PDB file of N, CA and C in Angstrom:
ATOM      1  N   MET A   1       3.826   9.147 -16.491  1.00  0.00           N
ATOM      2  CA  MET A   1       4.402   8.524 -15.162  1.00  0.00           C
ATOM      3  C   MET A   1       3.422   7.499 -14.906  1.00  0.00           C
ATOM      4  N   LYS A   2       3.873   6.337 -14.374  1.00  0.00           N
ATOM      5  CA  LYS A   2       2.753   5.372 -13.783  1.00  0.00           C
ATOM      6  C   LYS A   2       3.538   4.697 -12.640  1.00  0.00           C
ATOM      7  N   ILE A   3       2.530   4.120 -11.792  1.00  0.00           N
ATOM      8  CA  ILE A   3       2.989   3.355 -10.735  1.00  0.00           C
ATOM      9  C   ILE A   3       3.478   1.988 -11.245  1.00  0.00           C
ATOM     10  N   LYS A   4       4.684   1.517 -10.799  1.00  0.00           N
ATOM     11  CA  LYS A   4       5.065   0.231 -11.140  1.00  0.00           C
ATOM     12  C   LYS A   4       4.084  -0.900 -10.868  1.00  0.00           C
ATOM     13  N   GLU A   5       3.814  -1.818 -11.768  1.00  0.00           N
ATOM     14  CA  GLU A   5       2.951  -2.986 -11.410  1.00  0.00           C
ATOM     15  C   GLU A   5       3.462  -3.630 -10.104  1.00  0.00           C
ATOM     16  N   GLY A   6       2.466  -4.228  -9.472  1.00  0.00           N
ATOM     17  CA  GLY A   6       2.737  -4.958  -8.110  1.00  0.00           C
ATOM     18  C   GLY A   6       2.793  -4.239  -6.785  1.00  0.00           C
ATOM     19  N   TYR A   7       2.010  -3.022  -6.977  1.00  0.00           N
ATOM     20  CA  TYR A   7       1.864  -2.030  -5.676  1.00  0.00           C
ATOM     21  C   TYR A   7       0.361  -1.666  -5.966  1.00  0.00           C
ATOM     22  N   LEU A   8      -0.335  -1.652  -4.879  1.00  0.00           N
ATOM     23  CA  LEU A   8      -1.766  -1.193  -4.768  1.00  0.00           C
ATOM     24  C   LEU A   8      -1.859  -0.204  -3.547  1.00  0.00           C
ATOM     25  N   LEU A   9      -2.791   0.574  -3.794  1.00  0.00           N
ATOM     26  CA  LEU A   9      -3.064   1.502  -2.603  1.00  0.00           C
ATOM     27  C   LEU A   9      -4.267   0.944  -1.952  1.00  0.00           C
ATOM     28  N   ARG A  10      -4.230   0.861  -0.713  1.00  0.00           N
ATOM     29  CA  ARG A  10      -5.379   0.107   0.231  1.00  0.00           C
ATOM     30  C   ARG A  10      -5.623   1.105   1.343  1.00  0.00           C
ATOM     31  N   GLU A  11      -6.965   1.132   1.774  1.00  0.00           N
ATOM     32  CA  GLU A  11      -7.424   1.830   2.974  1.00  0.00           C
ATOM     33  C   GLU A  11      -7.410   0.717   4.085  1.00  0.00           C
ATOM     34  N   VAL A  12      -6.531   0.871   5.021  1.00  0.00           N
ATOM     35  CA  VAL A  12      -6.534  -0.069   6.244  1.00  0.00           C
ATOM     36  C   VAL A  12      -6.696   0.592   7.708  1.00  0.00           C
ATOM     37  N   ALA A  13      -7.653   0.354   8.139  1.00  0.00           N
ATOM     38  CA  ALA A  13      -8.120   0.918   9.569  1.00  0.00           C
ATOM     39  C   ALA A  13      -7.994   2.588   9.350  1.00  0.00           C
ATOM     40  N   GLY A  14      -8.615   3.161   8.335  1.00  0.00           N
ATOM     41  CA  GLY A  14      -8.633   4.602   8.209  1.00  0.00           C
ATOM     42  C   GLY A  14      -7.230   4.985   7.645  1.00  0.00           C
ATOM     43  N   SER A  15      -6.245   4.291   7.395  1.00  0.00           N
ATOM     44  CA  SER A  15      -5.001   4.891   6.739  1.00  0.00           C
ATOM     45  C   SER A  15      -4.671   4.364   5.422  1.00  0.00           C
ATOM     46  N   ASN A  16      -4.207   5.234   4.652  1.00  0.00           N
ATOM     47  CA  ASN A  16      -3.856   4.787   3.149  1.00  0.00           C
ATOM     48  C   ASN A  16      -2.563   4.243   3.205  1.00  0.00           C
ATOM     49  N   ILE A  17      -2.285   2.781   2.634  1.00  0.00           N
ATOM     50  CA  ILE A  17      -1.148   2.065   2.717  1.00  0.00           C
ATOM     51  C   ILE A  17      -0.969   1.642   1.354  1.00  0.00           C
ATOM     52  N   VAL A  18       0.326   1.594   1.025  1.00  0.00           N
ATOM     53  CA  VAL A  18       1.001   1.009  -0.222  1.00  0.00           C
ATOM     54  C   VAL A  18       1.312  -0.329   0.085  1.00  0.00           C
ATOM     55  N   VAL A  19       0.599  -1.310  -0.787  1.00  0.00           N
ATOM     56  CA  VAL A  19       0.842  -2.792  -0.386  1.00  0.00           C
ATOM     57  C   VAL A  19       1.499  -3.454  -1.680  1.00  0.00           C
ATOM     58  N   PRO A  20       2.522  -4.168  -1.463  1.00  0.00           N
ATOM     59  CA  PRO A  20       3.117  -4.847  -2.516  1.00  0.00           C
ATOM     60  C   PRO A  20       2.262  -6.019  -2.847  1.00  0.00           C
ATOM     61  N   VAL A  21       1.931  -6.417  -3.926  1.00  0.00           N
ATOM     62  CA  VAL A  21       1.341  -7.694  -4.171  1.00  0.00           C
ATOM     63  C   VAL A  21       2.209  -8.584  -5.307  1.00  0.00           C
ATOM     64  N   GLY A  22       1.915  -9.825  -5.344  1.00  0.00           N
ATOM     65  CA  GLY A  22       2.709 -10.626  -6.414  1.00  0.00           C
ATOM     66  C   GLY A  22       4.163 -10.979  -5.900  1.00  0.00           C
ATOM     67  N   SER A  23       4.666 -11.947  -6.474  1.00  0.00           N
ATOM     68  CA  SER A  23       5.927 -12.584  -6.043  1.00  0.00           C
ATOM     69  C   SER A  23       7.101 -11.740  -6.446  1.00  0.00           C
ATOM     70  N   GLY A  24       7.029 -10.813  -7.429  1.00  0.00           N
ATOM     71  CA  GLY A  24       7.849  -9.945  -7.929  1.00  0.00           C
ATOM     72  C   GLY A  24       8.533  -8.981  -6.894  1.00  0.00           C
ATOM     73  N   ASN A  25       7.526  -8.718  -5.740  1.00  0.00           N
ATOM     74  CA  ASN A  25       7.957  -7.573  -5.079  1.00  0.00           C
ATOM     75  C   ASN A  25       8.303  -8.174  -3.501  1.00  0.00           C
ATOM     76  N   MET A  26       8.916  -9.239  -3.695  1.00  0.00           N
ATOM     77  CA  MET A  26       9.166 -10.126  -2.355  1.00  0.00           C
ATOM     78  C   MET A  26      10.050  -9.339  -1.484  1.00  0.00           C
ATOM     79  N   ASP A  27      11.134  -8.642  -2.259  1.00  0.00           N
ATOM     80  CA  ASP A  27      12.271  -7.936  -1.518  1.00  0.00           C
ATOM     81  C   ASP A  27      11.848  -6.614  -0.953  1.00  0.00           C
ATOM     82  N   PHE A  28      10.524  -6.217  -1.316  1.00  0.00           N
ATOM     83  CA  PHE A  28      10.116  -4.920  -0.761  1.00  0.00           C
ATOM     84  C   PHE A  28       9.739  -5.271   0.844  1.00  0.00           C
ATOM     85  N   SER A  29      10.242  -4.675   1.602  1.00  0.00           N
ATOM     86  CA  SER A  29      10.097  -4.978   3.115  1.00  0.00           C
ATOM     87  C   SER A  29       9.473  -3.819   3.864  1.00  0.00           C
ATOM     88  N   GLY A  30       9.260  -2.598   3.202  1.00  0.00           N
ATOM     89  CA  GLY A  30       8.880  -1.634   4.024  1.00  0.00           C
ATOM     90  C   GLY A  30       7.225  -1.418   3.990  1.00  0.00           C
ATOM     91  N   VAL A  31       6.805  -0.470   4.567  1.00  0.00           N
ATOM     92  CA  VAL A  31       5.477   0.015   4.669  1.00  0.00           C
ATOM     93  C   VAL A  31       5.402   1.388   4.316  1.00  0.00           C
ATOM     94  N   ILE A  32       4.462   1.862   3.341  1.00  0.00           N
ATOM     95  CA  ILE A  32       4.296   3.232   2.813  1.00  0.00           C
ATOM     96  C   ILE A  32       3.128   3.638   3.318  1.00  0.00           C
ATOM     97  N   THR A  33       2.767   4.627   4.115  1.00  0.00           N
ATOM     98  CA  THR A  33       1.544   5.390   4.365  1.00  0.00           C
ATOM     99  C   THR A  33       1.418   6.515   3.830  1.00  0.00           C
ATOM    100  N   LEU A  34       0.303   7.034   3.191  1.00  0.00           N
ATOM    101  CA  LEU A  34       0.115   8.181   2.338  1.00  0.00           C
ATOM    102  C   LEU A  34      -0.837   8.815   3.122  1.00  0.00           C
ATOM    103  N   ASN A  35      -0.791  10.282   3.026  1.00  0.00           N
ATOM    104  CA  ASN A  35      -1.590  11.199   3.592  1.00  0.00           C
ATOM    105  C   ASN A  35      -2.702  11.433   2.426  1.00  0.00           C
ATOM    106  N   GLU A  36      -3.729  12.252   2.637  1.00  0.00           N
ATOM    107  CA  GLU A  36      -4.578  12.533   1.756  1.00  0.00           C
ATOM    108  C   GLU A  36      -4.190  12.925   0.547  1.00  0.00           C
ATOM    109  N   VAL A  37      -3.128  13.842   0.420  1.00  0.00           N
ATOM    110  CA  VAL A  37      -2.861  14.645  -0.703  1.00  0.00           C
ATOM    111  C   VAL A  37      -1.945  13.436  -1.509  1.00  0.00           C
ATOM    112  N   GLY A  38      -0.991  12.639  -0.718  1.00  0.00           N
ATOM    113  CA  GLY A  38      -0.161  11.703  -1.415  1.00  0.00           C
ATOM    114  C   GLY A  38      -1.278  10.546  -2.039  1.00  0.00           C
ATOM    115  N   SER A  39      -2.060  10.189  -1.491  1.00  0.00           N
ATOM    116  CA  SER A  39      -3.150   9.300  -1.956  1.00  0.00           C
ATOM    117  C   SER A  39      -3.784   9.742  -3.329  1.00  0.00           C
ATOM    118  N   PHE A  40      -4.069  10.964  -3.129  1.00  0.00           N
ATOM    119  CA  PHE A  40      -4.550  11.767  -4.519  1.00  0.00           C
ATOM    120  C   PHE A  40      -3.792  11.513  -5.711  1.00  0.00           C
ATOM    121  N   ILE A  41      -2.448  11.981  -5.479  1.00  0.00           N
ATOM    122  CA  ILE A  41      -1.525  12.012  -6.298  1.00  0.00           C
ATOM    123  C   ILE A  41      -1.130  10.437  -6.943  1.00  0.00           C
ATOM    124  N   TRP A  42      -1.066   9.330  -5.982  1.00  0.00           N
ATOM    125  CA  TRP A  42      -0.906   8.034  -6.344  1.00  0.00           C
ATOM    126  C   TRP A  42      -2.081   7.705  -7.311  1.00  0.00           C
ATOM    127  N   LYS A  43      -3.261   7.922  -6.803  1.00  0.00           N
ATOM    128  CA  LYS A  43      -4.432   7.547  -7.886  1.00  0.00           C
ATOM    129  C   LYS A  43      -4.178   8.125  -9.184  1.00  0.00           C
ATOM    130  N   GLN A  44      -3.755   9.327  -9.344  1.00  0.00           N
ATOM    131  CA  GLN A  44      -3.322  10.082 -10.517  1.00  0.00           C
ATOM    132  C   GLN A  44      -2.362   9.113 -11.310  1.00  0.00           C
ATOM    133  N   LEU A  45      -1.357   8.742 -10.662  1.00  0.00           N
ATOM    134  CA  LEU A  45      -0.236   7.974 -11.208  1.00  0.00           C
ATOM    135  C   LEU A  45      -0.856   6.657 -11.595  1.00  0.00           C
ATOM    136  N   GLU A  46      -1.655   6.140 -10.847  1.00  0.00           N
ATOM    137  CA  GLU A  46      -2.368   4.795 -11.346  1.00  0.00           C
ATOM    138  C   GLU A  46      -3.049   4.837 -12.834  1.00  0.00           C
ATOM    139  N   LYS A  47      -3.257   5.951 -13.069  1.00  0.00           N
ATOM    140  CA  LYS A  47      -3.887   6.463 -14.516  1.00  0.00           C
ATOM    141  C   LYS A  47      -3.103   6.819 -15.437  1.00  0.00           C
ATOM    142  N   ASP A  48      -1.571   6.822 -15.158  1.00  0.00           N
ATOM    143  CA  ASP A  48      -0.682   7.210 -16.088  1.00  0.00           C
ATOM    144  C   ASP A  48      -0.619   8.534 -16.454  1.00  0.00           C
ATOM    145  N   ALA A  49      -0.872   9.467 -15.453  1.00  0.00           N
ATOM    146  CA  ALA A  49      -0.962  10.781 -15.668  1.00  0.00           C
ATOM    147  C   ALA A  49       0.189  11.658 -15.879  1.00  0.00           C
ATOM    148  N   THR A  50       0.401  12.564 -16.570  1.00  0.00           N
ATOM    149  CA  THR A  50       1.589  13.390 -16.610  1.00  0.00           C
ATOM    150  C   THR A  50       1.613  14.228 -15.389  1.00  0.00           C
ATOM    151  N   LYS A  51       2.757  14.985 -15.169  1.00  0.00           N
ATOM    152  CA  LYS A  51       3.154  15.665 -14.080  1.00  0.00           C
ATOM    153  C   LYS A  51       2.050  16.947 -14.145  1.00  0.00           C
ATOM    154  N   GLU A  52       2.027  17.558 -15.298  1.00  0.00           N
ATOM    155  CA  GLU A  52       0.944  18.707 -15.570  1.00  0.00           C
ATOM    156  C   GLU A  52      -0.390  18.262 -15.323  1.00  0.00           C
ATOM    157  N   ASP A  53      -0.690  17.182 -15.519  1.00  0.00           N
ATOM    158  CA  ASP A  53      -2.110  16.482 -15.240  1.00  0.00           C
ATOM    159  C   ASP A  53      -2.421  16.533 -13.721  1.00  0.00           C
ATOM    160  N   ILE A  54      -1.463  15.888 -13.152  1.00  0.00           N
ATOM    161  CA  ILE A  54      -1.484  15.877 -11.702  1.00  0.00           C
ATOM    162  C   ILE A  54      -1.695  17.110 -10.984  1.00  0.00           C
ATOM    163  N   LEU A  55      -0.669  18.059 -11.457  1.00  0.00           N
ATOM    164  CA  LEU A  55      -0.676  19.465 -10.810  1.00  0.00           C
ATOM    165  C   LEU A  55      -1.983  20.194 -11.113  1.00  0.00           C
ATOM    166  N   ASN A  56      -2.670  20.025 -12.370  1.00  0.00           N
ATOM    167  CA  ASN A  56      -3.779  20.677 -12.696  1.00  0.00           C
ATOM    168  C   ASN A  56      -5.001  19.916 -11.794  1.00  0.00           C
ATOM    169  N   ASN A  57      -4.971  18.825 -11.740  1.00  0.00           N
ATOM    170  CA  ASN A  57      -6.038  18.064 -10.891  1.00  0.00           C
ATOM    171  C   ASN A  57      -5.911  18.345  -9.450  1.00  0.00           C
ATOM    172  N   LEU A  58      -4.666  18.464  -8.995  1.00  0.00           N
ATOM    173  CA  LEU A  58      -4.391  18.971  -7.513  1.00  0.00           C
ATOM    174  C   LEU A  58      -4.875  20.389  -7.352  1.00  0.00           C
ATOM    175  N   LEU A  59      -4.646  21.288  -7.973  1.00  0.00           N
ATOM    176  CA  LEU A  59      -5.237  22.671  -7.988  1.00  0.00           C
ATOM    177  C   LEU A  59      -6.626  22.699  -8.054  1.00  0.00           C
ATOM    178  N   ASP A  60      -7.321  21.812  -8.999  1.00  0.00           N
ATOM    179  CA  ASP A  60      -8.770  21.766  -9.029  1.00  0.00           C
ATOM    180  C   ASP A  60      -9.582  21.187  -7.719  1.00  0.00           C
ATOM    181  N   GLU A  61      -8.759  20.270  -7.227  1.00  0.00           N
ATOM    182  CA  GLU A  61      -9.213  19.584  -5.944  1.00  0.00           C
ATOM    183  C   GLU A  61      -9.163  20.147  -4.697  1.00  0.00           C
ATOM    184  N   TYR A  62      -7.992  20.913  -4.422  1.00  0.00           N
ATOM    185  CA  TYR A  62      -7.477  21.479  -3.144  1.00  0.00           C
ATOM    186  C   TYR A  62      -7.363  22.944  -3.316  1.00  0.00           C
ATOM    187  N   ASP A  63      -7.592  23.553  -2.145  1.00  0.00           N
ATOM    188  CA  ASP A  63      -7.305  25.030  -2.073  1.00  0.00           C
ATOM    189  C   ASP A  63      -5.882  25.261  -1.694  1.00  0.00           C
ATOM    190  N   VAL A  64      -4.862  25.288  -2.839  1.00  0.00           N
ATOM    191  CA  VAL A  64      -3.515  25.402  -2.664  1.00  0.00           C
ATOM    192  C   VAL A  64      -3.082  26.226  -3.818  1.00  0.00           C
ATOM    193  N   ASP A  65      -2.042  27.058  -3.599  1.00  0.00           N
ATOM    194  CA  ASP A  65      -1.391  27.833  -4.567  1.00  0.00           C
ATOM    195  C   ASP A  65      -0.509  26.986  -5.460  1.00  0.00           C
ATOM    196  N   LYS A  66      -0.243  27.386  -6.860  1.00  0.00           N
ATOM    197  CA  LYS A  66       0.451  26.635  -7.822  1.00  0.00           C
ATOM    198  C   LYS A  66       1.856  26.163  -7.246  1.00  0.00           C
ATOM    199  N   ALA A  67       2.594  27.128  -6.704  1.00  0.00           N
ATOM    200  CA  ALA A  67       3.914  26.958  -6.379  1.00  0.00           C
ATOM    201  C   ALA A  67       3.915  25.802  -5.406  1.00  0.00           C
ATOM    202  N   THR A  68       3.091  25.902  -4.239  1.00  0.00           N
ATOM    203  CA  THR A  68       3.056  24.890  -3.277  1.00  0.00           C
ATOM    204  C   THR A  68       2.716  23.463  -3.806  1.00  0.00           C
ATOM    205  N   ALA A  69       1.611  23.471  -4.573  1.00  0.00           N
ATOM    206  CA  ALA A  69       1.311  22.205  -5.230  1.00  0.00           C
ATOM    207  C   ALA A  69       2.532  21.572  -6.118  1.00  0.00           C
ATOM    208  N   GLU A  70       3.194  22.467  -6.876  1.00  0.00           N
ATOM    209  CA  GLU A  70       4.181  21.858  -7.755  1.00  0.00           C
ATOM    210  C   GLU A  70       5.349  21.334  -6.826  1.00  0.00           C
ATOM    211  N   ARG A  71       5.738  21.836  -5.824  1.00  0.00           N
ATOM    212  CA  ARG A  71       6.661  21.527  -4.825  1.00  0.00           C
ATOM    213  C   ARG A  71       6.131  20.228  -4.348  1.00  0.00           C
ATOM    214  N   ASP A  72       4.881  20.096  -3.817  1.00  0.00           N
ATOM    215  CA  ASP A  72       4.451  18.853  -3.313  1.00  0.00           C
ATOM    216  C   ASP A  72       4.524  17.735  -4.217  1.00  0.00           C
ATOM    217  N   VAL A  73       4.083  18.022  -5.419  1.00  0.00           N
ATOM    218  CA  VAL A  73       4.123  17.014  -6.569  1.00  0.00           C
ATOM    219  C   VAL A  73       5.651  16.513  -6.815  1.00  0.00           C
ATOM    220  N   ASP A  74       6.459  17.290  -7.045  1.00  0.00           N
ATOM    221  CA  ASP A  74       7.859  17.108  -7.180  1.00  0.00           C
ATOM    222  C   ASP A  74       8.402  16.276  -6.188  1.00  0.00           C
ATOM    223  N   GLU A  75       8.127  16.557  -4.934  1.00  0.00           N
ATOM    224  CA  GLU A  75       8.732  15.825  -3.614  1.00  0.00           C
ATOM    225  C   GLU A  75       8.429  14.422  -3.607  1.00  0.00           C
ATOM    226  N   PHE A  76       6.942  14.340  -3.889  1.00  0.00           N
ATOM    227  CA  PHE A  76       6.252  12.925  -3.869  1.00  0.00           C
ATOM    228  C   PHE A  76       6.816  12.206  -5.009  1.00  0.00           C
ATOM    229  N   ILE A  77       6.868  12.696  -6.132  1.00  0.00           N
ATOM    230  CA  ILE A  77       7.419  11.918  -7.304  1.00  0.00           C
ATOM    231  C   ILE A  77       8.867  11.511  -7.075  1.00  0.00           C
ATOM    232  N   ASN A  78       9.579  12.400  -6.518  1.00  0.00           N
ATOM    233  CA  ASN A  78      11.031  11.992  -6.255  1.00  0.00           C
ATOM    234  C   ASN A  78      11.070  11.001  -5.112  1.00  0.00           C
ATOM    235  N   LYS A  79      10.277  11.060  -4.195  1.00  0.00           N
ATOM    236  CA  LYS A  79      10.163   9.848  -3.078  1.00  0.00           C
ATOM    237  C   LYS A  79       9.917   8.510  -3.740  1.00  0.00           C
ATOM    238  N   LEU A  80       8.870   8.655  -4.710  1.00  0.00           N
ATOM    239  CA  LEU A  80       8.633   7.403  -5.425  1.00  0.00           C
ATOM    240  C   LEU A  80       9.630   6.883  -6.400  1.00  0.00           C
ATOM    241  N   LYS A  81      10.202   7.787  -6.958  1.00  0.00           N
ATOM    242  CA  LYS A  81      11.509   7.493  -7.707  1.00  0.00           C
ATOM    243  C   LYS A  81      12.643   6.743  -6.935  1.00  0.00           C
ATOM    244  N   GLY A  82      12.762   7.258  -5.730  1.00  0.00           N
ATOM    245  CA  GLY A  82      13.833   6.840  -4.883  1.00  0.00           C
ATOM    246  C   GLY A  82      13.572   5.453  -4.314  1.00  0.00           C
ATOM    247  N   ALA A  83      12.182   5.077  -4.075  1.00  0.00           N
ATOM    248  CA  ALA A  83      11.771   3.750  -3.590  1.00  0.00           C
ATOM    249  C   ALA A  83      11.631   2.894  -4.725  1.00  0.00           C
ATOM    250  N   GLU A  84      11.733   3.243  -5.806  1.00  0.00           N
ATOM    251  CA  GLU A  84      11.667   2.526  -7.188  1.00  0.00           C
ATOM    252  C   GLU A  84      10.169   2.071  -7.558  1.00  0.00           C
ATOM    253  N   LEU A  85       9.153   3.073  -7.218  1.00  0.00           N
ATOM    254  CA  LEU A  85       7.851   2.560  -7.256  1.00  0.00           C
ATOM    255  C   LEU A  85       7.217   3.096  -8.652  1.00  0.00           C
ATOM    256  N   LEU A  86       8.029   3.791  -9.454  1.00  0.00           N
ATOM    257  CA  LEU A  86       7.598   4.262 -10.772  1.00  0.00           C
ATOM    258  C   LEU A  86       8.016   3.428 -11.792  1.00  0.00           C
ATOM    259  N   ALA A  87       7.204   3.176 -12.913  1.00  0.00           N
ATOM    260  CA  ALA A  87       7.498   2.317 -14.021  1.00  0.00           C
ATOM    261  C   ALA A  87       8.391   3.235 -14.895  1.00  0.00           C
ATOM    262  N   ASP A  88       9.150   2.639 -15.641  1.00  0.00           N
ATOM    263  CA  ASP A  88      10.138   3.343 -16.814  1.00  0.00           C
ATOM    264  C   ASP A  88       9.162   3.803 -17.743  1.00  0.00           C
TER     265      ASP A  88
END
């Protein structure tokens, strides 16, 4: 899985914001703010990580049980799919 081209994660005034860049995303009018874990997952997706890679890296980075981490990863990925932010 990978983030669709034309979207970047930027820190703005202490908040992690997804910013559309380029003319191909002119119809995107929303603002997406990510928390720390969302930003961590986003950065993994920028590297074309698999769900299993993301889950393992999340478990290594944070003190969380596997069931909670898996639920969080699934929920985040589904939200990105719903917003059409993941590449095919």
